[in-house]
Every structure is written in structure tokens, then in C-alpha cells.
Amino acid sequence: CFLFAALAAAFIIVRLDERGNRRLSLIVVGGLLLGELIARGLTARAAALEDIGRWPAPYVMFTGKPHAISSTNPDYRLNAEGFRGELPTPGPTSPGHLRIAMVGASALMHGSTVEQTIPGHLQRELREAGYEVQVDNFGVLSYVSGQELSLLLHRVEEQIRREPLTLA
């Protein structure tokens, strides 16, 4: 399709008699070509995330694809529920154990390894400070606040029922 448009534009440029129109046409075609190259570069990056992207899920529309591994970074992997990191341990934990569930969008997902995500950093810092803590990462690419609330009510609550929970 793009090749056909470029050939048509080249034909029009050759047919134009006035010098000003020819220059203007060359600028327009060059701009379109540059725009096309930029758009193709951006979609290649988006396609790399698409392999782990969206998986249909009740109440929240989608989560990450369960057990997905990014084609561009093998350390970027999702668990059986479609989230980064280990699966949350169901049920109550030991006394004195702090549990934090982080619900959010792509800010929680990014990091080349799980330890480099925001929840990973938080867990490491709290453990280094002497706390017995588990930080569960419930981040999903492209989520909005309504999906985060639904995720909190329908998935997070089910996984860690009957336990004090800190939400971040």
C-alpha cells in the first residue's frame, strides 16, 4: 500500500510543471516517508510487548498472558496469573509478616527483571530494613483506575482473603 502511494506521488511530482509545486511535493512525500519509517519503528517496539500483552479475564477485561515470556527480554516473564513476579501465597501468613499488594498499570510492570520493578525495589528495601515482607505485584499494562479497582475487588481479595493487607 505504501509502495503504491509512493509511486503515485513520484508520478505526480514528475508531471508538475511549476518548480515551486515540485519542491513542495518533494517535501510532502519526504515527510510522509519519514513519518512512515518512524511509525514502523514504534510499532515494532509495541509488537515486542504484545507477545506478553493482553489476555481476556473476567471483570477486569484483560491481564497479561499467563506464563508469557517477552521475545526481546527472556527475564521479562509473567506468572500463571499473568502478573510479574511470584504467585501470591494464598491465605494468612505468619504473625509479624507484612503483606503489600501493589495494584497499578505499566509503571509496576516495567523493569528488566522482577527485582527491578517498583514492587521488587520496595520489597528489597523493606527486607533490608529488617521487615518480614511480601510485596505482590498486580500490575497490568494499559490498566485504568476502573480496571484496577475491579482487579482489587475480584482478584486480589480472592487471593489473599482474611489477612491484613496494605494497598499501595
C-alpha atoms as a PDB file:
ATOM      1  CA  CYS A   1       0.000   0.000   0.000  1.00  0.00           C
ATOM      2  CA  PHE A   2       2.763   2.410   0.968  1.00  0.00           C
ATOM      3  CA  LEU A   3       4.766   1.494  -2.123  1.00  0.00           C
ATOM      4  CA  PHE A   4       1.772   2.242  -4.363  1.00  0.00           C
ATOM      5  CA  ALA A   5       1.286   5.652  -2.698  1.00  0.00           C
ATOM      6  CA  ALA A   6       4.991   6.484  -3.134  1.00  0.00           C
ATOM      7  CA  LEU A   7       4.874   5.552  -6.833  1.00  0.00           C
ATOM      8  CA  ALA A   8       1.743   7.646  -7.352  1.00  0.00           C
ATOM      9  CA  ALA A   9       3.367  10.612  -5.588  1.00  0.00           C
ATOM     10  CA  ALA A  10       6.530  10.250  -7.721  1.00  0.00           C
ATOM     11  CA  PHE A  11       4.400  10.212 -10.881  1.00  0.00           C
ATOM     12  CA  ILE A  12       2.582  13.388  -9.794  1.00  0.00           C
ATOM     13  CA  ILE A  13       5.894  15.139  -8.980  1.00  0.00           C
ATOM     14  CA  VAL A  14       7.283  14.347 -12.436  1.00  0.00           C
ATOM     15  CA  ARG A  15       4.125  15.672 -14.105  1.00  0.00           C
ATOM     16  CA  LEU A  16       4.115  19.017 -12.302  1.00  0.00           C
ATOM     17  CA  ASP A  17       5.335  21.905 -14.425  1.00  0.00           C
ATOM     18  CA  GLU A  18       5.905  24.614 -11.861  1.00  0.00           C
ATOM     19  CA  ARG A  19       9.149  24.450  -9.910  1.00  0.00           C
ATOM     20  CA  GLY A  20       7.561  25.532  -6.590  1.00  0.00           C
ATOM     21  CA  ASN A  21       4.944  22.802  -6.679  1.00  0.00           C
ATOM     22  CA  ARG A  22       7.568  20.201  -7.443  1.00  0.00           C
ATOM     23  CA  ARG A  23       9.647  21.235  -4.402  1.00  0.00           C
ATOM     24  CA  LEU A  24       6.559  21.300  -2.197  1.00  0.00           C
ATOM     25  CA  SER A  25       5.579  17.846  -3.402  1.00  0.00           C
ATOM     26  CA  LEU A  26       9.069  16.510  -2.682  1.00  0.00           C
ATOM     27  CA  ILE A  27       8.886  17.917   0.864  1.00  0.00           C
ATOM     28  CA  VAL A  28       5.454  16.389   1.441  1.00  0.00           C
ATOM     29  CA  VAL A  29       6.487  12.971   0.098  1.00  0.00           C
ATOM     30  CA  GLY A  30       9.719  13.091   2.134  1.00  0.00           C
ATOM     31  CA  GLY A  31       7.738  13.969   5.270  1.00  0.00           C
ATOM     32  CA  LEU A  32       5.297  11.138   4.654  1.00  0.00           C
ATOM     33  CA  LEU A  33       8.165   8.706   4.096  1.00  0.00           C
ATOM     34  CA  LEU A  34       9.860   9.829   7.317  1.00  0.00           C
ATOM     35  CA  GLY A  35       6.565   9.529   9.204  1.00  0.00           C
ATOM     36  CA  GLU A  36       6.065   6.025   7.842  1.00  0.00           C
ATOM     37  CA  LEU A  37       9.540   4.944   8.968  1.00  0.00           C
ATOM     38  CA  ILE A  38       9.009   6.367  12.466  1.00  0.00           C
ATOM     39  CA  ALA A  39       5.587   4.705  12.746  1.00  0.00           C
ATOM     40  CA  ARG A  40       7.021   1.335  11.677  1.00  0.00           C
ATOM     41  CA  GLY A  41       9.795   1.655  14.258  1.00  0.00           C
ATOM     42  CA  LEU A  42       7.307   2.411  17.025  1.00  0.00           C
ATOM     43  CA  THR A  43       5.024  -0.457  16.083  1.00  0.00           C
ATOM     44  CA  ALA A  44       7.976  -2.864  16.123  1.00  0.00           C
ATOM     45  CA  ARG A  45       8.589  -1.860  19.756  1.00  0.00           C
ATOM     46  CA  ALA A  46       4.889  -2.233  20.565  1.00  0.00           C
ATOM     47  CA  ALA A  47       4.846  -5.670  18.931  1.00  0.00           C
ATOM     48  CA  ALA A  48       7.611  -6.789  21.290  1.00  0.00           C
ATOM     49  CA  LEU A  49       5.323  -6.005  24.241  1.00  0.00           C
ATOM     50  CA  GLU A  50       2.310  -7.524  22.506  1.00  0.00           C
ATOM     51  CA  ASP A  51       3.625 -11.048  22.966  1.00  0.00           C
ATOM     52  CA  ILE A  52       3.050 -10.683  26.727  1.00  0.00           C
ATOM     53  CA  GLY A  53       0.304  -8.081  26.418  1.00  0.00           C
ATOM     54  CA  ARG A  54      -3.358  -8.764  26.971  1.00  0.00           C
ATOM     55  CA  TRP A  55      -5.189 -11.925  27.903  1.00  0.00           C
ATOM     56  CA  PRO A  56      -9.002 -11.945  28.383  1.00  0.00           C
ATOM     57  CA  ALA A  57     -10.016 -12.033  32.044  1.00  0.00           C
ATOM     58  CA  PRO A  58     -13.435 -11.742  33.716  1.00  0.00           C
ATOM     59  CA  TYR A  59     -14.333  -8.458  35.465  1.00  0.00           C
ATOM     60  CA  VAL A  60     -11.065  -6.709  34.541  1.00  0.00           C
ATOM     61  CA  MET A  61     -11.233  -7.144  30.728  1.00  0.00           C
ATOM     62  CA  PHE A  62      -7.658  -8.445  30.459  1.00  0.00           C
ATOM     63  CA  THR A  63      -4.463  -9.283  32.309  1.00  0.00           C
ATOM     64  CA  GLY A  64      -1.060 -10.227  30.987  1.00  0.00           C
ATOM     65  CA  LYS A  65      -0.820 -13.527  29.140  1.00  0.00           C
ATOM     66  CA  PRO A  66      -0.205 -16.312  31.696  1.00  0.00           C
ATOM     67  CA  HIS A  67       3.317 -17.812  31.592  1.00  0.00           C
ATOM     68  CA  ALA A  68       4.331 -15.351  28.853  1.00  0.00           C
ATOM     69  CA  ILE A  69       7.979 -14.566  28.221  1.00  0.00           C
ATOM     70  CA  SER A  70       8.954 -11.487  26.228  1.00  0.00           C
ATOM     71  CA  SER A  71      10.583 -12.218  22.892  1.00  0.00           C
ATOM     72  CA  THR A  72      13.023  -9.329  23.404  1.00  0.00           C
ATOM     73  CA  ASN A  73      13.963  -9.988  27.070  1.00  0.00           C
ATOM     74  CA  PRO A  74      13.759 -13.521  28.495  1.00  0.00           C
ATOM     75  CA  ASP A  75      13.868 -12.105  32.052  1.00  0.00           C
ATOM     76  CA  TYR A  76      10.589 -10.283  31.366  1.00  0.00           C
ATOM     77  CA  ARG A  77       8.161 -13.068  32.216  1.00  0.00           C
ATOM     78  CA  LEU A  78       4.703 -13.384  33.712  1.00  0.00           C
ATOM     79  CA  ASN A  79       3.411 -15.903  36.237  1.00  0.00           C
ATOM     80  CA  ALA A  80       0.401 -18.244  35.900  1.00  0.00           C
ATOM     81  CA  GLU A  81      -1.992 -15.384  36.718  1.00  0.00           C
ATOM     82  CA  GLY A  82      -0.483 -13.020  34.104  1.00  0.00           C
ATOM     83  CA  PHE A  83       1.383 -10.760  36.564  1.00  0.00           C
ATOM     84  CA  ARG A  84       5.099 -10.142  37.148  1.00  0.00           C
ATOM     85  CA  GLY A  85       6.812 -11.986  39.991  1.00  0.00           C
ATOM     86  CA  GLU A  86       5.905 -14.977  42.072  1.00  0.00           C
ATOM     87  CA  LEU A  87       2.317 -16.035  42.589  1.00  0.00           C
ATOM     88  CA  PRO A  88       0.907 -14.611  45.816  1.00  0.00           C
ATOM     89  CA  THR A  89       0.734 -17.157  48.609  1.00  0.00           C
ATOM     90  CA  PRO A  90      -2.962 -17.700  49.359  1.00  0.00           C
ATOM     91  CA  GLY A  91      -4.272 -17.371  52.892  1.00  0.00           C
ATOM     92  CA  PRO A  92      -2.826 -15.901  56.073  1.00  0.00           C
ATOM     93  CA  THR A  93       0.894 -15.558  56.693  1.00  0.00           C
ATOM     94  CA  SER A  94       2.813 -15.839  59.936  1.00  0.00           C
ATOM     95  CA  PRO A  95       2.353 -13.225  62.708  1.00  0.00           C
ATOM     96  CA  GLY A  96       4.533 -10.167  62.145  1.00  0.00           C
ATOM     97  CA  HIS A  97       4.679 -10.798  58.412  1.00  0.00           C
ATOM     98  CA  LEU A  98       3.691  -7.748  56.368  1.00  0.00           C
ATOM     99  CA  ARG A  99       1.962  -8.235  53.051  1.00  0.00           C
ATOM    100  CA  ILE A 100       1.631  -5.451  50.475  1.00  0.00           C
ATOM    101  CA  ALA A 101      -0.406  -5.747  47.282  1.00  0.00           C
ATOM    102  CA  MET A 102       0.514  -3.229  44.616  1.00  0.00           C
ATOM    103  CA  VAL A 103      -2.195  -2.681  42.005  1.00  0.00           C
ATOM    104  CA  GLY A 104      -1.451  -0.496  39.022  1.00  0.00           C
ATOM    105  CA  ALA A 105      -0.588  -0.225  35.364  1.00  0.00           C
ATOM    106  CA  SER A 106       2.616  -0.353  33.349  1.00  0.00           C
ATOM    107  CA  ALA A 107       4.675   1.527  35.969  1.00  0.00           C
ATOM    108  CA  LEU A 108       4.529  -1.620  38.109  1.00  0.00           C
ATOM    109  CA  MET A 109       5.312  -3.926  35.192  1.00  0.00           C
ATOM    110  CA  HIS A 110       8.476  -2.363  33.831  1.00  0.00           C
ATOM    111  CA  GLY A 111      11.928  -3.456  34.877  1.00  0.00           C
ATOM    112  CA  SER A 112      14.123  -5.918  33.034  1.00  0.00           C
ATOM    113  CA  THR A 113      13.907  -8.333  35.978  1.00  0.00           C
ATOM    114  CA  VAL A 114      11.225  -8.704  38.654  1.00  0.00           C
ATOM    115  CA  GLU A 115      13.647  -7.276  41.211  1.00  0.00           C
ATOM    116  CA  GLN A 116      13.917  -4.068  39.157  1.00  0.00           C
ATOM    117  CA  THR A 117      10.167  -3.347  39.193  1.00  0.00           C
ATOM    118  CA  ILE A 118       8.759  -0.871  41.733  1.00  0.00           C
ATOM    119  CA  PRO A 119       7.319  -3.698  43.892  1.00  0.00           C
ATOM    120  CA  GLY A 120      10.666  -5.525  43.659  1.00  0.00           C
ATOM    121  CA  HIS A 121      12.568  -2.446  44.851  1.00  0.00           C
ATOM    122  CA  LEU A 122      10.073  -1.878  47.675  1.00  0.00           C
ATOM    123  CA  GLN A 123      10.329  -5.477  48.879  1.00  0.00           C
ATOM    124  CA  ARG A 124      14.132  -5.371  48.842  1.00  0.00           C
ATOM    125  CA  GLU A 125      14.296  -2.061  50.713  1.00  0.00           C
ATOM    126  CA  LEU A 126      11.845  -3.224  53.402  1.00  0.00           C
ATOM    127  CA  ARG A 127      13.667  -6.528  53.874  1.00  0.00           C
ATOM    128  CA  GLU A 128      16.993  -4.717  54.171  1.00  0.00           C
ATOM    129  CA  ALA A 129      15.359  -2.530  56.842  1.00  0.00           C
ATOM    130  CA  GLY A 130      14.538  -5.689  58.813  1.00  0.00           C
ATOM    131  CA  TYR A 131      10.873  -6.249  57.931  1.00  0.00           C
ATOM    132  CA  GLU A 132       9.469  -9.648  57.052  1.00  0.00           C
ATOM    133  CA  VAL A 133       7.506  -8.607  53.978  1.00  0.00           C
ATOM    134  CA  GLN A 134       5.987  -9.929  50.792  1.00  0.00           C
ATOM    135  CA  VAL A 135       5.142  -7.413  48.052  1.00  0.00           C
ATOM    136  CA  ASP A 136       2.736  -8.828  45.459  1.00  0.00           C
ATOM    137  CA  ASN A 137       2.829  -7.196  42.028  1.00  0.00           C
ATOM    138  CA  PHE A 138      -0.624  -6.949  40.443  1.00  0.00           C
ATOM    139  CA  GLY A 139       0.437  -4.534  37.690  1.00  0.00           C
ATOM    140  CA  VAL A 140      -1.019  -4.922  34.184  1.00  0.00           C
ATOM    141  CA  LEU A 141      -0.023  -2.990  31.053  1.00  0.00           C
ATOM    142  CA  SER A 142      -2.543  -0.331  29.978  1.00  0.00           C
ATOM    143  CA  TYR A 143      -4.835  -0.566  33.005  1.00  0.00           C
ATOM    144  CA  VAL A 144      -7.012   2.386  34.016  1.00  0.00           C
ATOM    145  CA  SER A 145      -8.387   3.101  37.501  1.00  0.00           C
ATOM    146  CA  GLY A 146     -11.687   1.249  36.922  1.00  0.00           C
ATOM    147  CA  GLN A 147      -9.814  -1.910  35.951  1.00  0.00           C
ATOM    148  CA  GLU A 148      -7.502  -1.526  38.946  1.00  0.00           C
ATOM    149  CA  LEU A 149     -10.493  -1.269  41.299  1.00  0.00           C
ATOM    150  CA  SER A 150     -12.125  -4.304  39.710  1.00  0.00           C
ATOM    151  CA  LEU A 151      -8.838  -6.217  39.946  1.00  0.00           C
ATOM    152  CA  LEU A 152      -8.600  -5.302  43.612  1.00  0.00           C
ATOM    153  CA  LEU A 153     -12.151  -6.437  44.370  1.00  0.00           C
ATOM    154  CA  HIS A 154     -12.267  -9.585  42.233  1.00  0.00           C
ATOM    155  CA  ARG A 155      -8.741 -10.986  42.057  1.00  0.00           C
ATOM    156  CA  VAL A 156      -6.557  -9.540  44.789  1.00  0.00           C
ATOM    157  CA  GLU A 157      -9.170 -10.026  47.502  1.00  0.00           C
ATOM    158  CA  GLU A 158      -9.736 -13.640  46.425  1.00  0.00           C
ATOM    159  CA  GLN A 159      -6.030 -14.453  46.533  1.00  0.00           C
ATOM    160  CA  ILE A 160      -5.281 -13.005  49.936  1.00  0.00           C
ATOM    161  CA  ARG A 161      -8.583 -13.299  51.772  1.00  0.00           C
ATOM    162  CA  ARG A 162      -8.814 -12.983  55.580  1.00  0.00           C
ATOM    163  CA  GLU A 163      -5.467 -11.316  56.043  1.00  0.00           C
ATOM    164  CA  PRO A 164      -4.462  -7.751  56.929  1.00  0.00           C
ATOM    165  CA  LEU A 165      -3.295  -6.127  53.736  1.00  0.00           C
ATOM    166  CA  THR A 166      -1.535  -2.892  52.866  1.00  0.00           C
ATOM    167  CA  LEU A 167      -2.523  -1.488  49.487  1.00  0.00           C
ATOM    168  CA  ALA A 168      -0.103   0.631  47.505  1.00  0.00           C
END
